[in-house]
Amino acid sequence: QVQLVESGGDLVQAGGSLRLSCAASGATASIHSIGWYRQAPGKQRELVATSSSGGHTNYADSVKGRFAISRDNAGNTVFLQMDRLKPEDTAVYYCYADWGWMHRPYWGQGTQVTVSP
């Protein structure tokens, strides 16, 4: 099993930047991919960006060119650098990990990102 703890959410003006962090602990060697989803009020949770154990990254079209996902050398902390933020980026951001041979999903508790106009 793994535990995921996010941090870095805040209130920021449009055009600003934030950096989210997700610290993974537990059986992290069995993580296949790790990344970020978000959920805005009244909307479904959607993929933002993911990073596989092989180094492949995947981004939602809406954030390409503005957001960047990265991992520390140990691979146990994943970051989401968010630049040129827009009000429509306002959401709760959840860290996600795909774990183990059964590809079990794990979620963090979420961190609120609010972008004011």
PDB file of N, CA and C in Angstrom:
ATOM      1  N   GLN A   1       0.838  -1.191   0.000  1.00  0.00           N
ATOM      2  CA  GLN A   1       0.000   0.000   0.000  1.00  0.00           C
ATOM      3  C   GLN A   1       0.874   1.242   0.000  1.00  0.00           C
ATOM      4  N   VAL A   2       0.272   2.365  -0.417  1.00  0.00           N
ATOM      5  CA  VAL A   2       0.965   3.644  -0.375  1.00  0.00           C
ATOM      6  C   VAL A   2       0.064   4.690   0.245  1.00  0.00           C
ATOM      7  N   GLN A   3       0.693   5.719   0.773  1.00  0.00           N
ATOM      8  CA  GLN A   3      -0.011   6.883   1.294  1.00  0.00           C
ATOM      9  C   GLN A   3       0.469   8.090   0.491  1.00  0.00           C
ATOM     10  N   LEU A   4      -0.467   8.974   0.176  1.00  0.00           N
ATOM     11  CA  LEU A   4      -0.173  10.148  -0.633  1.00  0.00           C
ATOM     12  C   LEU A   4      -0.611  11.388   0.138  1.00  0.00           C
ATOM     13  N   VAL A   5       0.288  12.353   0.275  1.00  0.00           N
ATOM     14  CA  VAL A   5      -0.022  13.580   0.992  1.00  0.00           C
ATOM     15  C   VAL A   5       0.332  14.764   0.102  1.00  0.00           C
ATOM     16  N   GLU A   6      -0.691  15.551  -0.232  1.00  0.00           N
ATOM     17  CA  GLU A   6      -0.484  16.711  -1.091  1.00  0.00           C
ATOM     18  C   GLU A   6      -0.250  17.974  -0.260  1.00  0.00           C
ATOM     19  N   SER A   7       0.379  18.941  -0.877  1.00  0.00           N
ATOM     20  CA  SER A   7       0.529  20.259  -0.275  1.00  0.00           C
ATOM     21  C   SER A   7       0.739  21.270  -1.393  1.00  0.00           C
ATOM     22  N   GLY A   8       0.571  22.544  -1.055  1.00  0.00           N
ATOM     23  CA  GLY A   8       0.871  23.605  -1.999  1.00  0.00           C
ATOM     24  C   GLY A   8      -0.323  24.354  -2.544  1.00  0.00           C
ATOM     25  N   GLY A   9      -1.536  23.888  -2.275  1.00  0.00           N
ATOM     26  CA  GLY A   9      -2.695  24.602  -2.774  1.00  0.00           C
ATOM     27  C   GLY A   9      -2.826  25.965  -2.106  1.00  0.00           C
ATOM     28  N   ASP A  10      -3.403  26.912  -2.852  1.00  0.00           N
ATOM     29  CA  ASP A  10      -3.500  28.279  -2.335  1.00  0.00           C
ATOM     30  C   ASP A  10      -4.443  29.086  -3.201  1.00  0.00           C
ATOM     31  N   LEU A  11      -4.643  30.336  -2.800  1.00  0.00           N
ATOM     32  CA  LEU A  11      -5.388  31.309  -3.587  1.00  0.00           C
ATOM     33  C   LEU A  11      -4.376  32.148  -4.352  1.00  0.00           C
ATOM     34  N   VAL A  12      -4.576  32.264  -5.664  1.00  0.00           N
ATOM     35  CA  VAL A  12      -3.634  33.009  -6.495  1.00  0.00           C
ATOM     36  C   VAL A  12      -4.412  33.774  -7.558  1.00  0.00           C
ATOM     37  N   GLN A  13      -3.856  34.877  -8.011  1.00  0.00           N
ATOM     38  CA  GLN A  13      -4.507  35.645  -9.068  1.00  0.00           C
ATOM     39  C   GLN A  13      -4.239  35.016 -10.433  1.00  0.00           C
ATOM     40  N   ALA A  14      -5.145  35.261 -11.353  1.00  0.00           N
ATOM     41  CA  ALA A  14      -4.963  34.772 -12.716  1.00  0.00           C
ATOM     42  C   ALA A  14      -3.625  35.252 -13.278  1.00  0.00           C
ATOM     43  N   GLY A  15      -2.948  34.352 -13.966  1.00  0.00           N
ATOM     44  CA  GLY A  15      -1.631  34.655 -14.499  1.00  0.00           C
ATOM     45  C   GLY A  15      -0.500  34.258 -13.576  1.00  0.00           C
ATOM     46  N   GLY A  16      -0.827  33.934 -12.337  1.00  0.00           N
ATOM     47  CA  GLY A  16       0.180  33.566 -11.361  1.00  0.00           C
ATOM     48  C   GLY A  16       0.590  32.111 -11.459  1.00  0.00           C
ATOM     49  N   SER A  17       1.415  31.693 -10.508  1.00  0.00           N
ATOM     50  CA  SER A  17       1.964  30.336 -10.494  1.00  0.00           C
ATOM     51  C   SER A  17       1.808  29.700  -9.120  1.00  0.00           C
ATOM     52  N   LEU A  18       1.727  28.388  -9.116  1.00  0.00           N
ATOM     53  CA  LEU A  18       1.741  27.595  -7.892  1.00  0.00           C
ATOM     54  C   LEU A  18       2.500  26.307  -8.167  1.00  0.00           C
ATOM     55  N   ARG A  19       3.040  25.729  -7.107  1.00  0.00           N
ATOM     56  CA  ARG A  19       3.704  24.437  -7.221  1.00  0.00           C
ATOM     57  C   ARG A  19       3.096  23.505  -6.186  1.00  0.00           C
ATOM     58  N   LEU A  20       2.497  22.436  -6.668  1.00  0.00           N
ATOM     59  CA  LEU A  20       1.937  21.429  -5.789  1.00  0.00           C
ATOM     60  C   LEU A  20       2.946  20.308  -5.587  1.00  0.00           C
ATOM     61  N   SER A  21       2.897  19.714  -4.398  1.00  0.00           N
ATOM     62  CA  SER A  21       3.757  18.584  -4.086  1.00  0.00           C
ATOM     63  C   SER A  21       2.911  17.430  -3.581  1.00  0.00           C
ATOM     64  N   CYS A  22       3.360  16.224  -3.881  1.00  0.00           N
ATOM     65  CA  CYS A  22       2.704  15.014  -3.378  1.00  0.00           C
ATOM     66  C   CYS A  22       3.796  14.069  -2.909  1.00  0.00           C
ATOM     67  N   ALA A  23       3.790  13.804  -1.617  1.00  0.00           N
ATOM     68  CA  ALA A  23       4.773  12.888  -1.045  1.00  0.00           C
ATOM     69  C   ALA A  23       4.151  11.513  -0.898  1.00  0.00           C
ATOM     70  N   ALA A  24       4.775  10.528  -1.520  1.00  0.00           N
ATOM     71  CA  ALA A  24       4.313   9.149  -1.438  1.00  0.00           C
ATOM     72  C   ALA A  24       5.155   8.382  -0.427  1.00  0.00           C
ATOM     73  N   SER A  25       4.509   7.548   0.373  1.00  0.00           N
ATOM     74  CA  SER A  25       5.215   6.714   1.339  1.00  0.00           C
ATOM     75  C   SER A  25       4.596   5.329   1.332  1.00  0.00           C
ATOM     76  N   GLY A  26       5.306   4.387   1.920  1.00  0.00           N
ATOM     77  CA  GLY A  26       4.853   3.007   1.912  1.00  0.00           C
ATOM     78  C   GLY A  26       5.581   2.213   0.840  1.00  0.00           C
ATOM     79  N   ALA A  27       4.870   1.347   0.162  1.00  0.00           N
ATOM     80  CA  ALA A  27       5.470   0.476  -0.856  1.00  0.00           C
ATOM     81  C   ALA A  27       5.571   1.208  -2.189  1.00  0.00           C
ATOM     82  N   THR A  28       6.389   2.240  -2.207  1.00  0.00           N
ATOM     83  CA  THR A  28       6.453   3.109  -3.387  1.00  0.00           C
ATOM     84  C   THR A  28       7.115   2.431  -4.588  1.00  0.00           C
ATOM     85  N   ALA A  29       7.879   1.398  -4.370  1.00  0.00           N
ATOM     86  CA  ALA A  29       8.539   0.711  -5.489  1.00  0.00           C
ATOM     87  C   ALA A  29       7.532   0.065  -6.429  1.00  0.00           C
ATOM     88  N   SER A  30       6.306  -0.132  -5.950  1.00  0.00           N
ATOM     89  CA  SER A  30       5.278  -0.780  -6.772  1.00  0.00           C
ATOM     90  C   SER A  30       4.361   0.216  -7.471  1.00  0.00           C
ATOM     91  N   ILE A  31       4.720   1.482  -7.441  1.00  0.00           N
ATOM     92  CA  ILE A  31       3.924   2.497  -8.140  1.00  0.00           C
ATOM     93  C   ILE A  31       4.264   2.450  -9.628  1.00  0.00           C
ATOM     94  N   HIS A  32       3.259   2.280 -10.476  1.00  0.00           N
ATOM     95  CA  HIS A  32       3.467   2.262 -11.918  1.00  0.00           C
ATOM     96  C   HIS A  32       3.474   3.675 -12.485  1.00  0.00           C
ATOM     97  N   SER A  33       2.512   4.473 -12.030  1.00  0.00           N
ATOM     98  CA  SER A  33       2.446   5.863 -12.455  1.00  0.00           C
ATOM     99  C   SER A  33       1.875   6.685 -11.314  1.00  0.00           C
ATOM    100  N   ILE A  34       2.204   7.961 -11.314  1.00  0.00           N
ATOM    101  CA  ILE A  34       1.749   8.869 -10.268  1.00  0.00           C
ATOM    102  C   ILE A  34       1.483  10.210 -10.907  1.00  0.00           C
ATOM    103  N   GLY A  35       0.496  10.923 -10.377  1.00  0.00           N
ATOM    104  CA  GLY A  35       0.204  12.199 -10.996  1.00  0.00           C
ATOM    105  C   GLY A  35      -0.920  12.934 -10.309  1.00  0.00           C
ATOM    106  N   TRP A  36      -1.605  13.748 -11.105  1.00  0.00           N
ATOM    107  CA  TRP A  36      -2.593  14.671 -10.557  1.00  0.00           C
ATOM    108  C   TRP A  36      -3.901  14.626 -11.338  1.00  0.00           C
ATOM    109  N   TYR A  37      -4.991  14.653 -10.578  1.00  0.00           N
ATOM    110  CA  TYR A  37      -6.321  14.871 -11.105  1.00  0.00           C
ATOM    111  C   TYR A  37      -6.885  16.098 -10.408  1.00  0.00           C
ATOM    112  N   ARG A  38      -7.963  16.633 -10.937  1.00  0.00           N
ATOM    113  CA  ARG A  38      -8.632  17.754 -10.280  1.00  0.00           C
ATOM    114  C   ARG A  38     -10.134  17.628 -10.433  1.00  0.00           C
ATOM    115  N   GLN A  39     -10.837  18.254  -9.490  1.00  0.00           N
ATOM    116  CA  GLN A  39     -12.291  18.251  -9.523  1.00  0.00           C
ATOM    117  C   GLN A  39     -12.798  19.622  -9.142  1.00  0.00           C
ATOM    118  N   ALA A  40     -13.478  20.250 -10.084  1.00  0.00           N
ATOM    119  CA  ALA A  40     -14.097  21.544  -9.836  1.00  0.00           C
ATOM    120  C   ALA A  40     -15.521  21.322  -9.346  1.00  0.00           C
ATOM    121  N   PRO A  41     -16.101  22.291  -8.655  1.00  0.00           N
ATOM    122  CA  PRO A  41     -17.477  22.134  -8.142  1.00  0.00           C
ATOM    123  C   PRO A  41     -18.451  21.804  -9.272  1.00  0.00           C
ATOM    124  N   GLY A  42     -19.246  20.772  -9.060  1.00  0.00           N
ATOM    125  CA  GLY A  42     -20.249  20.392 -10.034  1.00  0.00           C
ATOM    126  C   GLY A  42     -19.725  19.664 -11.251  1.00  0.00           C
ATOM    127  N   LYS A  43     -18.432  19.345 -11.257  1.00  0.00           N
ATOM    128  CA  LYS A  43     -17.837  18.665 -12.413  1.00  0.00           C
ATOM    129  C   LYS A  43     -17.217  17.345 -11.994  1.00  0.00           C
ATOM    130  N   GLN A  44     -16.974  16.500 -12.990  1.00  0.00           N
ATOM    131  CA  GLN A  44     -16.327  15.223 -12.723  1.00  0.00           C
ATOM    132  C   GLN A  44     -14.823  15.421 -12.512  1.00  0.00           C
ATOM    133  N   ARG A  45     -14.232  14.491 -11.792  1.00  0.00           N
ATOM    134  CA  ARG A  45     -12.788  14.519 -11.601  1.00  0.00           C
ATOM    135  C   ARG A  45     -12.127  14.240 -12.950  1.00  0.00           C
ATOM    136  N   GLU A  46     -11.089  15.019 -13.262  1.00  0.00           N
ATOM    137  CA  GLU A  46     -10.429  14.881 -14.550  1.00  0.00           C
ATOM    138  C   GLU A  46      -8.920  14.804 -14.388  1.00  0.00           C
ATOM    139  N   LEU A  47      -8.296  14.122 -15.348  1.00  0.00           N
ATOM    140  CA  LEU A  47      -6.850  14.003 -15.340  1.00  0.00           C
ATOM    141  C   LEU A  47      -6.205  15.353 -15.635  1.00  0.00           C
ATOM    142  N   VAL A  48      -5.133  15.641 -14.904  1.00  0.00           N
ATOM    143  CA  VAL A  48      -4.346  16.844 -15.182  1.00  0.00           C
ATOM    144  C   VAL A  48      -3.010  16.436 -15.814  1.00  0.00           C
ATOM    145  N   ALA A  49      -2.258  15.598 -15.091  1.00  0.00           N
ATOM    146  CA  ALA A  49      -0.961  15.167 -15.604  1.00  0.00           C
ATOM    147  C   ALA A  49      -0.521  13.921 -14.851  1.00  0.00           C
ATOM    148  N   THR A  50       0.153  13.023 -15.552  1.00  0.00           N
ATOM    149  CA  THR A  50       0.688  11.830 -14.909  1.00  0.00           C
ATOM    150  C   THR A  50       2.108  11.565 -15.392  1.00  0.00           C
ATOM    151  N   SER A  51       2.850  10.831 -14.578  1.00  0.00           N
ATOM    152  CA  SER A  51       4.222  10.461 -14.887  1.00  0.00           C
ATOM    153  C   SER A  51       4.389   8.985 -14.592  1.00  0.00           C
ATOM    154  N   SER A  52       4.834   8.217 -15.588  1.00  0.00           N
ATOM    155  CA  SER A  52       4.986   6.778 -15.392  1.00  0.00           C
ATOM    156  C   SER A  52       6.365   6.463 -14.830  1.00  0.00           C
ATOM    157  N   SER A  53       6.512   5.230 -14.345  1.00  0.00           N
ATOM    158  CA  SER A  53       7.802   4.800 -13.809  1.00  0.00           C
ATOM    159  C   SER A  53       8.867   4.791 -14.899  1.00  0.00           C
ATOM    160  N   GLY A  54       8.443   4.708 -16.155  1.00  0.00           N
ATOM    161  CA  GLY A  54       9.382   4.727 -17.273  1.00  0.00           C
ATOM    162  C   GLY A  54       9.710   6.114 -17.762  1.00  0.00           C
ATOM    163  N   GLY A  55       9.121   7.128 -17.111  1.00  0.00           N
ATOM    164  CA  GLY A  55       9.439   8.511 -17.470  1.00  0.00           C
ATOM    165  C   GLY A  55       8.485   9.152 -18.448  1.00  0.00           C
ATOM    166  N   HIS A  56       7.484   8.403 -18.895  1.00  0.00           N
ATOM    167  CA  HIS A  56       6.511   8.980 -19.832  1.00  0.00           C
ATOM    168  C   HIS A  56       5.567   9.912 -19.081  1.00  0.00           C
ATOM    169  N   THR A  57       5.293  11.074 -19.667  1.00  0.00           N
ATOM    170  CA  THR A  57       4.351  12.012 -19.068  1.00  0.00           C
ATOM    171  C   THR A  57       3.147  12.206 -19.978  1.00  0.00           C
ATOM    172  N   ASN A  58       2.038  12.526 -19.352  1.00  0.00           N
ATOM    173  CA  ASN A  58       0.778  12.721 -20.072  1.00  0.00           C
ATOM    174  C   ASN A  58       0.075  13.928 -19.470  1.00  0.00           C
ATOM    175  N   TYR A  59      -0.450  14.810 -20.326  1.00  0.00           N
ATOM    176  CA  TYR A  59      -1.107  16.031 -19.868  1.00  0.00           C
ATOM    177  C   TYR A  59      -2.482  16.173 -20.495  1.00  0.00           C
ATOM    178  N   ALA A  60      -3.386  16.779 -19.748  1.00  0.00           N
ATOM    179  CA  ALA A  60      -4.657  17.190 -20.329  1.00  0.00           C
ATOM    180  C   ALA A  60      -4.386  18.311 -21.321  1.00  0.00           C
ATOM    181  N   ASP A  61      -5.161  18.351 -22.390  1.00  0.00           N
ATOM    182  CA  ASP A  61      -4.958  19.392 -23.402  1.00  0.00           C
ATOM    183  C   ASP A  61      -5.077  20.785 -22.793  1.00  0.00           C
ATOM    184  N   SER A  62      -5.944  20.925 -21.803  1.00  0.00           N
ATOM    185  CA  SER A  62      -6.215  22.243 -21.228  1.00  0.00           C
ATOM    186  C   SER A  62      -5.037  22.814 -20.439  1.00  0.00           C
ATOM    187  N   VAL A  63      -4.056  21.968 -20.091  1.00  0.00           N
ATOM    188  CA  VAL A  63      -2.932  22.447 -19.283  1.00  0.00           C
ATOM    189  C   VAL A  63      -1.599  22.350 -20.023  1.00  0.00           C
ATOM    190  N   LYS A  64      -1.595  21.773 -21.204  1.00  0.00           N
ATOM    191  CA  LYS A  64      -0.340  21.638 -21.950  1.00  0.00           C
ATOM    192  C   LYS A  64       0.287  22.996 -22.200  1.00  0.00           C
ATOM    193  N   GLY A  65       1.579  23.082 -21.939  1.00  0.00           N
ATOM    194  CA  GLY A  65       2.299  24.330 -22.125  1.00  0.00           C
ATOM    195  C   GLY A  65       2.247  25.249 -20.920  1.00  0.00           C
ATOM    196  N   ARG A  66       1.390  24.956 -19.952  1.00  0.00           N
ATOM    197  CA  ARG A  66       1.296  25.783 -18.739  1.00  0.00           C
ATOM    198  C   ARG A  66       1.707  25.016 -17.490  1.00  0.00           C
ATOM    199  N   PHE A  67       1.417  23.729 -17.442  1.00  0.00           N
ATOM    200  CA  PHE A  67       1.724  22.905 -16.279  1.00  0.00           C
ATOM    201  C   PHE A  67       2.865  21.943 -16.624  1.00  0.00           C
ATOM    202  N   ALA A  68       3.640  21.588 -15.610  1.00  0.00           N
ATOM    203  CA  ALA A  68       4.718  20.625 -15.804  1.00  0.00           C
ATOM    204  C   ALA A  68       4.787  19.701 -14.600  1.00  0.00           C
ATOM    205  N   ILE A  69       4.815  18.399 -14.863  1.00  0.00           N
ATOM    206  CA  ILE A  69       4.924  17.408 -13.803  1.00  0.00           C
ATOM    207  C   ILE A  69       6.367  16.928 -13.721  1.00  0.00           C
ATOM    208  N   SER A  70       6.836  16.718 -12.504  1.00  0.00           N
ATOM    209  CA  SER A  70       8.197  16.220 -12.313  1.00  0.00           C
ATOM    210  C   SER A  70       8.246  15.388 -11.044  1.00  0.00           C
ATOM    211  N   ARG A  71       9.346  14.639 -10.907  1.00  0.00           N
ATOM    212  CA  ARG A  71       9.524  13.794  -9.734  1.00  0.00           C
ATOM    213  C   ARG A  71      10.920  14.027  -9.177  1.00  0.00           C
ATOM    214  N   ASP A  72      11.070  13.791  -7.873  1.00  0.00           N
ATOM    215  CA  ASP A  72      12.402  13.901  -7.299  1.00  0.00           C
ATOM    216  C   ASP A  72      13.209  12.666  -7.686  1.00  0.00           C
ATOM    217  N   ASN A  73      14.493  12.673  -7.353  1.00  0.00           N
ATOM    218  CA  ASN A  73      15.376  11.591  -7.790  1.00  0.00           C
ATOM    219  C   ASN A  73      14.935  10.229  -7.288  1.00  0.00           C
ATOM    220  N   ALA A  74      14.398  10.187  -6.078  1.00  0.00           N
ATOM    221  CA  ALA A  74      13.943   8.912  -5.520  1.00  0.00           C
ATOM    222  C   ALA A  74      12.613   8.488  -6.120  1.00  0.00           C
ATOM    223  N   GLY A  75      11.937   9.439  -6.757  1.00  0.00           N
ATOM    224  CA  GLY A  75      10.648   9.124  -7.380  1.00  0.00           C
ATOM    225  C   GLY A  75       9.493   9.081  -6.411  1.00  0.00           C
ATOM    226  N   ASN A  76       9.741   9.479  -5.159  1.00  0.00           N
ATOM    227  CA  ASN A  76       8.685   9.370  -4.149  1.00  0.00           C
ATOM    228  C   ASN A  76       7.918  10.661  -3.938  1.00  0.00           C
ATOM    229  N   THR A  77       8.384  11.732  -4.538  1.00  0.00           N
ATOM    230  CA  THR A  77       7.663  12.989  -4.472  1.00  0.00           C
ATOM    231  C   THR A  77       7.419  13.476  -5.891  1.00  0.00           C
ATOM    232  N   VAL A  78       6.194  13.833  -6.156  1.00  0.00           N
ATOM    233  CA  VAL A  78       5.847  14.339  -7.491  1.00  0.00           C
ATOM    234  C   VAL A  78       5.374  15.777  -7.339  1.00  0.00           C
ATOM    235  N   PHE A  79       5.784  16.594  -8.284  1.00  0.00           N
ATOM    236  CA  PHE A  79       5.474  18.008  -8.252  1.00  0.00           C
ATOM    237  C   PHE A  79       4.619  18.376  -9.463  1.00  0.00           C
ATOM    238  N   LEU A  80       3.803  19.392  -9.285  1.00  0.00           N
ATOM    239  CA  LEU A  80       3.069  19.949 -10.410  1.00  0.00           C
ATOM    240  C   LEU A  80       3.304  21.454 -10.404  1.00  0.00           C
ATOM    241  N   GLN A  81       4.123  21.907 -11.339  1.00  0.00           N
ATOM    242  CA  GLN A  81       4.365  23.331 -11.502  1.00  0.00           C
ATOM    243  C   GLN A  81       3.279  23.890 -12.401  1.00  0.00           C
ATOM    244  N   MET A  82       2.526  24.840 -11.877  1.00  0.00           N
ATOM    245  CA  MET A  82       1.405  25.413 -12.615  1.00  0.00           C
ATOM    246  C   MET A  82       1.686  26.885 -12.873  1.00  0.00           C
ATOM    247  N   ASP A  83       1.829  27.237 -14.130  1.00  0.00           N
ATOM    248  CA  ASP A  83       2.093  28.613 -14.535  1.00  0.00           C
ATOM    249  C   ASP A  83       0.930  29.156 -15.350  1.00  0.00           C
ATOM    250  N   ARG A  84       0.883  30.473 -15.453  1.00  0.00           N
ATOM    251  CA  ARG A  84      -0.180  31.159 -16.237  1.00  0.00           C
ATOM    252  C   ARG A  84      -1.546  30.601 -15.854  1.00  0.00           C
ATOM    253  N   LEU A  85      -1.811  30.566 -14.560  1.00  0.00           N
ATOM    254  CA  LEU A  85      -3.058  29.991 -14.064  1.00  0.00           C
ATOM    255  C   LEU A  85      -4.260  30.813 -14.515  1.00  0.00           C
ATOM    256  N   LYS A  86      -5.356  30.095 -14.718  1.00  0.00           N
ATOM    257  CA  LYS A  86      -6.612  30.693 -15.160  1.00  0.00           C
ATOM    258  C   LYS A  86      -7.707  30.409 -14.134  1.00  0.00           C
ATOM    259  N   PRO A  87      -8.735  31.240 -14.068  1.00  0.00           N
ATOM    260  CA  PRO A  87      -9.835  30.944 -13.129  1.00  0.00           C
ATOM    261  C   PRO A  87     -10.417  29.554 -13.323  1.00  0.00           C
ATOM    262  N   GLU A  88     -10.422  29.056 -14.547  1.00  0.00           N
ATOM    263  CA  GLU A  88     -10.976  27.723 -14.798  1.00  0.00           C
ATOM    264  C   GLU A  88     -10.081  26.596 -14.279  1.00  0.00           C
ATOM    265  N   ASP A  89      -8.904  26.941 -13.776  1.00  0.00           N
ATOM    266  CA  ASP A  89      -8.060  25.941 -13.118  1.00  0.00           C
ATOM    267  C   ASP A  89      -8.461  25.730 -11.662  1.00  0.00           C
ATOM    268  N   THR A  90      -9.382  26.540 -11.177  1.00  0.00           N
ATOM    269  CA  THR A  90      -9.850  26.405  -9.797  1.00  0.00           C
ATOM    270  C   THR A  90     -10.475  25.033  -9.582  1.00  0.00           C
ATOM    271  N   ALA A  91      -9.981  24.325  -8.580  1.00  0.00           N
ATOM    272  CA  ALA A  91     -10.447  22.962  -8.309  1.00  0.00           C
ATOM    273  C   ALA A  91      -9.722  22.425  -7.083  1.00  0.00           C
ATOM    274  N   VAL A  92     -10.204  21.290  -6.611  1.00  0.00           N
ATOM    275  CA  VAL A  92      -9.430  20.514  -5.647  1.00  0.00           C
ATOM    276  C   VAL A  92      -8.528  19.589  -6.461  1.00  0.00           C
ATOM    277  N   TYR A  93      -7.249  19.635  -6.187  1.00  0.00           N
ATOM    278  CA  TYR A  93      -6.267  18.824  -6.913  1.00  0.00           C
ATOM    279  C   TYR A  93      -5.907  17.607  -6.055  1.00  0.00           C
ATOM    280  N   TYR A  94      -6.022  16.444  -6.677  1.00  0.00           N
ATOM    281  CA  TYR A  94      -5.776  15.177  -5.984  1.00  0.00           C
ATOM    282  C   TYR A  94      -4.552  14.488  -6.574  1.00  0.00           C
ATOM    283  N   CYS A  95      -3.704  14.012  -5.694  1.00  0.00           N
ATOM    284  CA  CYS A  95      -2.604  13.159  -6.124  1.00  0.00           C
ATOM    285  C   CYS A  95      -3.138  11.744  -6.316  1.00  0.00           C
ATOM    286  N   TYR A  96      -2.648  11.084  -7.338  1.00  0.00           N
ATOM    287  CA  TYR A  96      -3.122   9.751  -7.710  1.00  0.00           C
ATOM    288  C   TYR A  96      -1.934   8.841  -7.979  1.00  0.00           C
ATOM    289  N   ALA A  97      -2.049   7.586  -7.546  1.00  0.00           N
ATOM    290  CA  ALA A  97      -1.009   6.608  -7.857  1.00  0.00           C
ATOM    291  C   ALA A  97      -1.657   5.312  -8.327  1.00  0.00           C
ATOM    292  N   ASP A  98      -1.071   4.752  -9.341  1.00  0.00           N
ATOM    293  CA  ASP A  98      -1.462   3.445  -9.883  1.00  0.00           C
ATOM    294  C   ASP A  98      -0.476   2.440  -9.303  1.00  0.00           C
ATOM    295  N   TRP A  99      -0.969   1.512  -8.471  1.00  0.00           N
ATOM    296  CA  TRP A  99      -0.062   0.721  -7.626  1.00  0.00           C
ATOM    297  C   TRP A  99      -0.245  -0.771  -7.789  1.00  0.00           C
ATOM    298  N   GLY A 100       0.824  -1.479  -7.843  1.00  0.00           N
ATOM    299  CA  GLY A 100       0.821  -2.925  -7.718  1.00  0.00           C
ATOM    300  C   GLY A 100       0.384  -3.664  -8.968  1.00  0.00           C
ATOM    301  N   TRP A 101       0.461  -5.002  -8.883  1.00  0.00           N
ATOM    302  CA  TRP A 101       0.163  -5.827 -10.050  1.00  0.00           C
ATOM    303  C   TRP A 101      -1.293  -5.772 -10.451  1.00  0.00           C
ATOM    304  N   MET A 102      -2.179  -5.362  -9.509  1.00  0.00           N
ATOM    305  CA  MET A 102      -3.590  -5.210  -9.839  1.00  0.00           C
ATOM    306  C   MET A 102      -3.935  -3.779 -10.254  1.00  0.00           C
ATOM    307  N   HIS A 103      -2.923  -2.922 -10.317  1.00  0.00           N
ATOM    308  CA  HIS A 103      -3.118  -1.520 -10.702  1.00  0.00           C
ATOM    309  C   HIS A 103      -4.190  -0.863  -9.843  1.00  0.00           C
ATOM    310  N   ARG A 104      -4.020  -1.014  -8.540  1.00  0.00           N
ATOM    311  CA  ARG A 104      -4.967  -0.414  -7.601  1.00  0.00           C
ATOM    312  C   ARG A 104      -4.747   1.096  -7.546  1.00  0.00           C
ATOM    313  N   PRO A 105      -5.839   1.870  -7.612  1.00  0.00           N
ATOM    314  CA  PRO A 105      -5.701   3.329  -7.505  1.00  0.00           C
ATOM    315  C   PRO A 105      -5.632   3.794  -6.055  1.00  0.00           C
ATOM    316  N   TYR A 106      -4.736   4.723  -5.794  1.00  0.00           N
ATOM    317  CA  TYR A 106      -4.659   5.375  -4.495  1.00  0.00           C
ATOM    318  C   TYR A 106      -4.812   6.883  -4.707  1.00  0.00           C
ATOM    319  N   TRP A 107      -5.469   7.525  -3.740  1.00  0.00           N
ATOM    320  CA  TRP A 107      -5.717   8.964  -3.828  1.00  0.00           C
ATOM    321  C   TRP A 107      -5.245   9.671  -2.559  1.00  0.00           C
ATOM    322  N   GLY A 108      -4.778  10.893  -2.744  1.00  0.00           N
ATOM    323  CA  GLY A 108      -4.509  11.741  -1.604  1.00  0.00           C
ATOM    324  C   GLY A 108      -5.795  12.418  -1.151  1.00  0.00           C
ATOM    325  N   GLN A 109      -5.654  13.275  -0.135  1.00  0.00           N
ATOM    326  CA  GLN A 109      -6.834  13.912   0.443  1.00  0.00           C
ATOM    327  C   GLN A 109      -7.265  15.144  -0.340  1.00  0.00           C
ATOM    328  N   GLY A 110      -6.415  15.638  -1.210  1.00  0.00           N
ATOM    329  CA  GLY A 110      -6.747  16.796  -2.039  1.00  0.00           C
ATOM    330  C   GLY A 110      -6.226  18.095  -1.456  1.00  0.00           C
ATOM    331  N   THR A 111      -5.932  19.033  -2.348  1.00  0.00           N
ATOM    332  CA  THR A 111      -5.496  20.363  -1.943  1.00  0.00           C
ATOM    333  C   THR A 111      -6.206  21.386  -2.835  1.00  0.00           C
ATOM    334  N   GLN A 112      -6.732  22.442  -2.222  1.00  0.00           N
ATOM    335  CA  GLN A 112      -7.550  23.412  -2.951  1.00  0.00           C
ATOM    336  C   GLN A 112      -6.680  24.436  -3.668  1.00  0.00           C
ATOM    337  N   VAL A 113      -6.972  24.611  -4.948  1.00  0.00           N
ATOM    338  CA  VAL A 113      -6.353  25.660  -5.747  1.00  0.00           C
ATOM    339  C   VAL A 113      -7.465  26.594  -6.208  1.00  0.00           C
ATOM    340  N   THR A 114      -7.343  27.859  -5.869  1.00  0.00           N
ATOM    341  CA  THR A 114      -8.334  28.857  -6.271  1.00  0.00           C
ATOM    342  C   THR A 114      -7.629  29.962  -7.039  1.00  0.00           C
ATOM    343  N   VAL A 115      -8.114  30.219  -8.250  1.00  0.00           N
ATOM    344  CA  VAL A 115      -7.525  31.252  -9.100  1.00  0.00           C
ATOM    345  C   VAL A 115      -8.557  32.360  -9.265  1.00  0.00           C
ATOM    346  N   SER A 116      -8.239  33.540  -8.777  1.00  0.00           N
ATOM    347  CA  SER A 116      -9.165  34.659  -8.867  1.00  0.00           C
ATOM    348  C   SER A 116      -8.943  35.419 -10.177  1.00  0.00           C
ATOM    349  N   PRO A 117     -10.025  36.005 -10.730  1.00  0.00           N
ATOM    350  CA  PRO A 117      -9.904  36.723 -12.010  1.00  0.00           C
ATOM    351  C   PRO A 117      -8.972  37.921 -11.907  1.00  0.00           C
TER     352      PRO A 117
END
